[in-house]
Amino acid sequence: MTDRASQSIAPSYRPPEPELRLVLRPNTPDPRLVALVRLMARRAARDWFRSQQQEHRRRSGP
């Protein structure tokens, strides 16, 4: 009884479906990676700009 009950309750495992990907040219970078790098670069530029502003305020402060 326990074997059959656990088999009926247990979900069946499905491996993840393969991801479809359109590759126009084999030597082009992955567009998701390009988007990630752009996002990280924008964030780094904002952080650097804020640090420069704070440093400028400290130097020219009261």
Protein backbone atom coordinates (compact mmCIF):
# COMPACT_ATOMS: atom_id res chain seq x y z
CA MET A 1 0.00 0.00 0.00
CA THR A 2 2.76 2.46 0.83
CA ASP A 3 4.58 1.86 -2.45
CA ARG A 4 1.53 2.55 -4.57
CA ALA A 5 0.44 5.55 -2.52
CA SER A 6 3.88 7.18 -2.70
CA GLN A 7 4.07 6.54 -6.43
CA SER A 8 0.72 8.18 -7.08
CA ILE A 9 1.50 11.20 -4.88
CA ALA A 10 5.07 11.75 -6.02
CA PRO A 11 5.30 14.19 -8.93
CA SER A 12 6.89 12.88 -12.05
CA TYR A 13 10.26 14.43 -12.79
CA ARG A 14 10.59 16.34 -16.03
CA PRO A 15 13.99 17.51 -17.17
CA PRO A 16 14.05 21.18 -18.22
CA GLU A 17 13.19 21.76 -21.84
CA PRO A 18 16.10 22.85 -24.01
CA GLU A 19 16.30 26.57 -24.59
CA LEU A 20 15.76 27.70 -28.14
CA ARG A 21 18.34 30.19 -29.29
CA LEU A 22 18.61 32.06 -32.55
CA VAL A 23 22.22 32.43 -33.62
CA LEU A 24 22.72 34.61 -36.64
CA ARG A 25 26.48 34.14 -36.81
CA PRO A 26 28.51 31.65 -34.82
CA ASN A 27 31.10 34.25 -33.74
CA THR A 28 28.65 36.78 -32.26
CA PRO A 29 28.36 37.19 -28.50
CA ASP A 30 25.29 36.04 -26.63
CA PRO A 31 22.85 39.00 -26.54
CA ARG A 32 21.94 38.20 -22.92
CA LEU A 33 25.58 38.50 -21.92
CA VAL A 34 25.89 41.81 -23.80
CA ALA A 35 22.82 43.16 -21.98
CA LEU A 36 24.25 42.05 -18.62
CA VAL A 37 27.59 43.74 -19.30
CA ARG A 38 25.83 46.97 -20.31
CA LEU A 39 23.75 46.90 -17.14
CA MET A 40 26.83 46.35 -14.98
CA ALA A 41 28.72 49.13 -16.78
CA ARG A 42 25.88 51.61 -16.23
CA ARG A 43 25.73 50.72 -12.55
CA ALA A 44 29.50 51.10 -12.18
CA ALA A 45 29.40 54.47 -13.97
CA ARG A 46 26.62 55.72 -11.66
CA ASP A 47 28.52 54.59 -8.58
CA TRP A 48 31.71 56.26 -9.79
CA PHE A 49 29.86 59.49 -10.61
CA ARG A 50 28.25 59.57 -7.14
CA SER A 51 31.61 59.00 -5.46
CA GLN A 52 33.14 61.84 -7.50
CA GLN A 53 30.29 64.17 -6.51
CA GLN A 54 30.70 63.30 -2.83
CA GLU A 55 34.45 63.81 -3.03
CA HIS A 56 33.96 67.19 -4.71
CA ARG A 57 31.48 68.22 -2.01
CA ARG A 58 33.93 67.24 0.72
CA ARG A 59 36.73 69.26 -0.86
CA SER A 60 34.65 72.37 -1.46
CA GLY A 61 32.51 71.88 1.66
CA PRO A 62 32.04 74.37 4.50
